[in-house]
Amino acid sequence: MNHPTAVHYPDLRNLTANSTFFYPIQIFQSLIKINLTVYAAGNASLLEAAISNSQFTQVETPQTLNTTIFQPTPTIQFNINQQTGYSIRSFDLVPITTKSTK
């Protein structure tokens, strides 16, 4: 995939389509599962999350009335099976195009 350059510590309140950013997380235990729920507002989109550039997962963000009403996405689960540290590398916001059903 051709991702734009990732931003460290972005303003998460104002992401544009195809935004990519690094979000560091420190894990002290191996052989665990991490559940990630993202709260999003605005138009429905696909959200892609990955951990250490693997385990890419996509979920659909909810449609809300405006960008001040937040709703949770489906839970994303990551399996941590190695002894090395991990970081969440990026999230991508990709707009969904819908077909008219006339």
N, C-alpha and C. Protein backbone atom coordinates (compact mmCIF):
# COMPACT_ATOMS: atom_id res chain seq x y z
N MET A 1 0.83 -1.17 0.00
CA MET A 1 0.00 0.00 0.00
C MET A 1 0.87 1.24 0.00
N ASN A 2 0.41 2.28 -0.63
CA ASN A 2 1.11 3.56 -0.66
C ASN A 2 0.50 4.50 0.35
N HIS A 3 1.02 4.50 1.57
CA HIS A 3 0.49 5.36 2.62
C HIS A 3 1.21 6.70 2.59
N PRO A 4 0.50 7.80 2.92
CA PRO A 4 1.20 9.07 3.06
C PRO A 4 2.15 9.01 4.25
N THR A 5 3.06 9.96 4.33
CA THR A 5 4.00 10.00 5.44
C THR A 5 3.23 10.13 6.75
N ALA A 6 3.57 9.29 7.71
CA ALA A 6 2.88 9.29 8.99
C ALA A 6 3.32 10.47 9.84
N VAL A 7 2.40 10.97 10.65
CA VAL A 7 2.65 12.09 11.54
C VAL A 7 2.74 11.57 12.96
N HIS A 8 3.70 12.04 13.73
CA HIS A 8 3.79 11.67 15.15
C HIS A 8 2.87 12.58 15.95
N TYR A 9 2.04 12.00 16.81
CA TYR A 9 1.15 12.71 17.70
C TYR A 9 0.29 13.76 16.99
N PRO A 10 -0.53 13.34 16.05
CA PRO A 10 -1.37 14.30 15.32
C PRO A 10 -2.55 14.76 16.17
N ASP A 11 -3.22 15.79 15.70
CA ASP A 11 -4.48 16.22 16.32
C ASP A 11 -5.54 15.25 15.83
N LEU A 12 -5.90 14.29 16.66
CA LEU A 12 -6.80 13.22 16.25
C LEU A 12 -8.23 13.70 16.06
N ARG A 13 -8.53 14.93 16.43
CA ARG A 13 -9.89 15.45 16.26
C ARG A 13 -10.18 15.87 14.83
N ASN A 14 -9.16 16.07 14.03
CA ASN A 14 -9.36 16.61 12.69
C ASN A 14 -8.60 15.84 11.63
N LEU A 15 -8.87 14.55 11.51
CA LEU A 15 -8.19 13.73 10.51
C LEU A 15 -8.87 13.87 9.17
N THR A 16 -8.08 13.85 8.11
CA THR A 16 -8.62 13.87 6.76
C THR A 16 -8.59 12.46 6.19
N ALA A 17 -9.24 12.26 5.06
CA ALA A 17 -9.23 10.94 4.41
C ALA A 17 -7.80 10.51 4.15
N ASN A 18 -7.53 9.23 4.34
CA ASN A 18 -6.22 8.61 4.13
C ASN A 18 -5.14 9.11 5.08
N SER A 19 -5.54 9.63 6.25
CA SER A 19 -4.56 10.05 7.25
C SER A 19 -3.85 8.83 7.83
N THR A 20 -2.58 8.97 8.07
CA THR A 20 -1.79 7.92 8.69
C THR A 20 -1.00 8.56 9.82
N PHE A 21 -0.96 7.88 10.99
CA PHE A 21 -0.20 8.44 12.09
C PHE A 21 0.31 7.31 12.98
N PHE A 22 1.36 7.63 13.72
CA PHE A 22 1.95 6.71 14.69
C PHE A 22 1.32 6.98 16.04
N TYR A 23 1.00 5.92 16.77
CA TYR A 23 0.48 6.06 18.13
C TYR A 23 1.23 5.06 19.00
N PRO A 24 2.21 5.52 19.76
CA PRO A 24 3.04 4.58 20.53
C PRO A 24 2.26 3.97 21.69
N ILE A 25 2.51 2.69 21.90
CA ILE A 25 1.93 1.98 23.04
C ILE A 25 3.00 1.03 23.56
N GLN A 26 3.18 1.01 24.85
CA GLN A 26 4.20 0.16 25.44
C GLN A 26 3.53 -1.06 26.06
N ILE A 27 4.04 -2.24 25.71
CA ILE A 27 3.48 -3.50 26.19
C ILE A 27 4.57 -4.23 26.95
N PHE A 28 4.27 -4.66 28.17
CA PHE A 28 5.24 -5.32 29.02
C PHE A 28 5.05 -6.82 29.10
N GLN A 29 4.05 -7.35 28.43
CA GLN A 29 3.72 -8.77 28.54
C GLN A 29 3.56 -9.35 27.15
N SER A 30 3.96 -10.59 26.98
CA SER A 30 3.79 -11.27 25.70
C SER A 30 2.66 -12.30 25.84
N LEU A 31 2.25 -12.83 24.71
CA LEU A 31 1.17 -13.80 24.65
C LEU A 31 -0.12 -13.25 25.26
N ILE A 32 -0.49 -12.06 24.82
CA ILE A 32 -1.74 -11.44 25.25
C ILE A 32 -2.51 -10.95 24.04
N LYS A 33 -3.75 -10.59 24.25
CA LYS A 33 -4.57 -9.99 23.22
C LYS A 33 -4.91 -8.57 23.65
N ILE A 34 -4.87 -7.65 22.71
CA ILE A 34 -5.21 -6.26 22.96
C ILE A 34 -6.46 -5.94 22.15
N ASN A 35 -7.47 -5.41 22.82
CA ASN A 35 -8.68 -4.96 22.13
C ASN A 35 -8.62 -3.45 21.97
N LEU A 36 -8.87 -2.99 20.75
CA LEU A 36 -8.83 -1.57 20.43
C LEU A 36 -10.21 -1.15 19.95
N THR A 37 -10.78 -0.14 20.58
CA THR A 37 -12.03 0.46 20.12
C THR A 37 -11.73 1.92 19.85
N VAL A 38 -12.06 2.38 18.66
CA VAL A 38 -11.84 3.77 18.27
C VAL A 38 -13.18 4.47 18.28
N TYR A 39 -13.24 5.67 18.83
CA TYR A 39 -14.47 6.46 18.83
C TYR A 39 -14.34 7.51 17.73
N ALA A 40 -15.26 7.47 16.77
CA ALA A 40 -15.19 8.34 15.60
C ALA A 40 -16.49 9.12 15.46
N ALA A 41 -16.40 10.26 14.77
CA ALA A 41 -17.57 11.09 14.52
C ALA A 41 -17.54 11.56 13.08
N GLY A 42 -18.72 11.73 12.49
CA GLY A 42 -18.82 12.23 11.12
C GLY A 42 -19.30 11.16 10.17
N ASN A 43 -18.80 11.20 8.96
CA ASN A 43 -19.20 10.25 7.92
C ASN A 43 -18.65 8.86 8.17
N ALA A 44 -19.39 7.85 7.75
CA ALA A 44 -18.91 6.47 7.84
C ALA A 44 -17.71 6.30 6.92
N SER A 45 -16.72 5.58 7.40
CA SER A 45 -15.50 5.33 6.63
C SER A 45 -14.93 3.98 7.03
N LEU A 46 -13.93 3.53 6.29
CA LEU A 46 -13.17 2.36 6.70
C LEU A 46 -12.00 2.84 7.55
N LEU A 47 -11.76 2.15 8.64
CA LEU A 47 -10.63 2.44 9.51
C LEU A 47 -9.73 1.22 9.48
N GLU A 48 -8.46 1.43 9.18
CA GLU A 48 -7.50 0.33 9.15
C GLU A 48 -6.50 0.55 10.26
N ALA A 49 -6.26 -0.48 11.05
CA ALA A 49 -5.27 -0.42 12.12
C ALA A 49 -4.31 -1.58 11.94
N ALA A 50 -3.07 -1.34 12.34
CA ALA A 50 -2.05 -2.38 12.28
C ALA A 50 -1.16 -2.22 13.50
N ILE A 51 -0.53 -3.31 13.88
CA ILE A 51 0.42 -3.25 14.97
C ILE A 51 1.75 -3.76 14.45
N SER A 52 2.77 -2.95 14.61
CA SER A 52 4.13 -3.26 14.14
C SER A 52 4.14 -3.68 12.67
N ASN A 53 3.37 -2.98 11.87
CA ASN A 53 3.32 -3.21 10.42
C ASN A 53 2.85 -4.62 10.07
N SER A 54 2.00 -5.20 10.90
CA SER A 54 1.40 -6.50 10.62
C SER A 54 0.02 -6.53 11.25
N GLN A 55 -0.70 -7.62 11.06
CA GLN A 55 -2.04 -7.79 11.59
C GLN A 55 -2.96 -6.64 11.17
N PHE A 56 -2.95 -6.28 9.88
CA PHE A 56 -3.80 -5.20 9.38
C PHE A 56 -5.26 -5.61 9.49
N THR A 57 -6.07 -4.76 10.07
CA THR A 57 -7.49 -5.02 10.26
C THR A 57 -8.28 -3.79 9.85
N GLN A 58 -9.39 -4.00 9.14
CA GLN A 58 -10.27 -2.90 8.75
C GLN A 58 -11.63 -3.07 9.41
N VAL A 59 -12.19 -1.95 9.89
CA VAL A 59 -13.55 -1.92 10.42
C VAL A 59 -14.22 -0.67 9.85
N GLU A 60 -15.53 -0.67 9.85
CA GLU A 60 -16.27 0.50 9.37
C GLU A 60 -16.60 1.40 10.56
N THR A 61 -16.31 2.69 10.41
CA THR A 61 -16.67 3.63 11.46
C THR A 61 -18.15 3.96 11.34
N PRO A 62 -18.79 4.31 12.45
CA PRO A 62 -20.22 4.61 12.40
C PRO A 62 -20.50 5.98 11.78
N GLN A 63 -21.68 6.13 11.23
CA GLN A 63 -22.15 7.43 10.72
C GLN A 63 -22.79 8.16 11.90
N THR A 64 -22.38 9.41 12.15
CA THR A 64 -23.00 10.20 13.21
C THR A 64 -23.56 11.49 12.62
N LEU A 65 -24.40 12.16 13.38
CA LEU A 65 -25.05 13.37 12.89
C LEU A 65 -24.08 14.50 12.58
N ASN A 66 -22.99 14.58 13.34
CA ASN A 66 -21.99 15.62 13.10
C ASN A 66 -20.66 15.17 13.70
N THR A 67 -19.67 16.05 13.65
CA THR A 67 -18.34 15.67 14.12
C THR A 67 -18.13 15.92 15.61
N THR A 68 -19.21 16.17 16.35
CA THR A 68 -19.09 16.30 17.80
C THR A 68 -19.78 15.15 18.54
N ILE A 69 -20.47 14.28 17.80
CA ILE A 69 -21.12 13.12 18.39
C ILE A 69 -20.29 11.89 18.01
N PHE A 70 -19.68 11.23 19.00
CA PHE A 70 -18.78 10.11 18.76
C PHE A 70 -19.46 8.79 19.07
N GLN A 71 -19.17 7.79 18.26
CA GLN A 71 -19.68 6.44 18.45
C GLN A 71 -18.51 5.46 18.31
N PRO A 72 -18.58 4.32 18.99
CA PRO A 72 -17.48 3.36 18.91
C PRO A 72 -17.50 2.55 17.61
N THR A 73 -16.32 2.20 17.15
CA THR A 73 -16.19 1.28 16.03
C THR A 73 -16.29 -0.15 16.57
N PRO A 74 -16.45 -1.13 15.69
CA PRO A 74 -16.30 -2.51 16.16
C PRO A 74 -14.90 -2.69 16.76
N THR A 75 -14.78 -3.58 17.72
CA THR A 75 -13.50 -3.81 18.40
C THR A 75 -12.52 -4.49 17.46
N ILE A 76 -11.29 -4.01 17.48
CA ILE A 76 -10.19 -4.61 16.72
C ILE A 76 -9.32 -5.34 17.74
N GLN A 77 -8.99 -6.59 17.46
CA GLN A 77 -8.18 -7.37 18.39
C GLN A 77 -6.81 -7.67 17.78
N PHE A 78 -5.77 -7.42 18.56
CA PHE A 78 -4.41 -7.74 18.17
C PHE A 78 -3.87 -8.81 19.08
N ASN A 79 -3.15 -9.77 18.51
CA ASN A 79 -2.49 -10.82 19.28
C ASN A 79 -1.02 -10.46 19.42
N ILE A 80 -0.54 -10.39 20.65
CA ILE A 80 0.86 -10.10 20.93
C ILE A 80 1.50 -11.42 21.34
N ASN A 81 2.34 -11.99 20.44
CA ASN A 81 2.87 -13.33 20.65
C ASN A 81 4.39 -13.38 20.72
N GLN A 82 5.05 -12.24 20.67
CA GLN A 82 6.51 -12.25 20.67
C GLN A 82 7.03 -11.54 21.90
N GLN A 83 8.30 -11.73 22.18
CA GLN A 83 8.92 -11.12 23.36
C GLN A 83 9.40 -9.70 23.10
N THR A 84 9.35 -9.25 21.86
CA THR A 84 9.82 -7.90 21.56
C THR A 84 8.70 -6.90 21.80
N GLY A 85 9.05 -5.63 21.96
CA GLY A 85 8.06 -4.57 22.16
C GLY A 85 7.26 -4.30 20.90
N TYR A 86 6.10 -3.73 21.06
CA TYR A 86 5.22 -3.41 19.93
C TYR A 86 4.77 -1.97 20.01
N SER A 87 4.44 -1.42 18.87
CA SER A 87 3.81 -0.11 18.79
C SER A 87 2.69 -0.19 17.77
N ILE A 88 1.59 0.52 18.00
CA ILE A 88 0.58 0.67 16.95
C ILE A 88 1.17 1.64 15.95
N ARG A 89 1.30 1.20 14.70
CA ARG A 89 1.98 1.99 13.69
C ARG A 89 1.11 3.07 13.10
N SER A 90 -0.11 2.71 12.69
CA SER A 90 -0.92 3.71 12.00
C SER A 90 -2.37 3.31 11.92
N PHE A 91 -3.18 4.31 11.65
CA PHE A 91 -4.59 4.11 11.35
C PHE A 91 -4.83 4.82 10.03
N ASP A 92 -5.61 4.25 9.15
CA ASP A 92 -5.96 4.90 7.90
C ASP A 92 -7.46 5.15 7.88
N LEU A 93 -7.87 6.35 7.48
CA LEU A 93 -9.27 6.67 7.28
C LEU A 93 -9.51 6.75 5.78
N VAL A 94 -10.38 5.90 5.26
CA VAL A 94 -10.65 5.82 3.83
C VAL A 94 -12.15 6.02 3.64
N PRO A 95 -12.56 7.04 2.86
CA PRO A 95 -14.00 7.26 2.67
C PRO A 95 -14.64 6.11 1.91
N ILE A 96 -15.89 5.81 2.24
CA ILE A 96 -16.66 4.77 1.56
C ILE A 96 -17.57 5.45 0.56
N THR A 97 -17.56 4.95 -0.66
CA THR A 97 -18.52 5.46 -1.64
C THR A 97 -19.68 4.49 -1.71
N THR A 98 -20.87 5.03 -1.70
CA THR A 98 -22.06 4.18 -1.75
C THR A 98 -22.75 4.36 -3.09
N LYS A 99 -23.36 3.30 -3.55
CA LYS A 99 -24.09 3.34 -4.82
C LYS A 99 -25.54 3.68 -4.54
N SER A 100 -26.10 4.46 -5.39
CA SER A 100 -27.50 4.84 -5.27
C SER A 100 -28.39 3.64 -5.58
N THR A 101 -29.46 3.47 -4.82
CA THR A 101 -30.37 2.34 -5.04
C THR A 101 -31.71 2.84 -5.53
N LYS A 102 -31.71 3.43 -6.70
CA LYS A 102 -32.96 3.95 -7.28
C LYS A 102 -33.71 2.89 -8.03
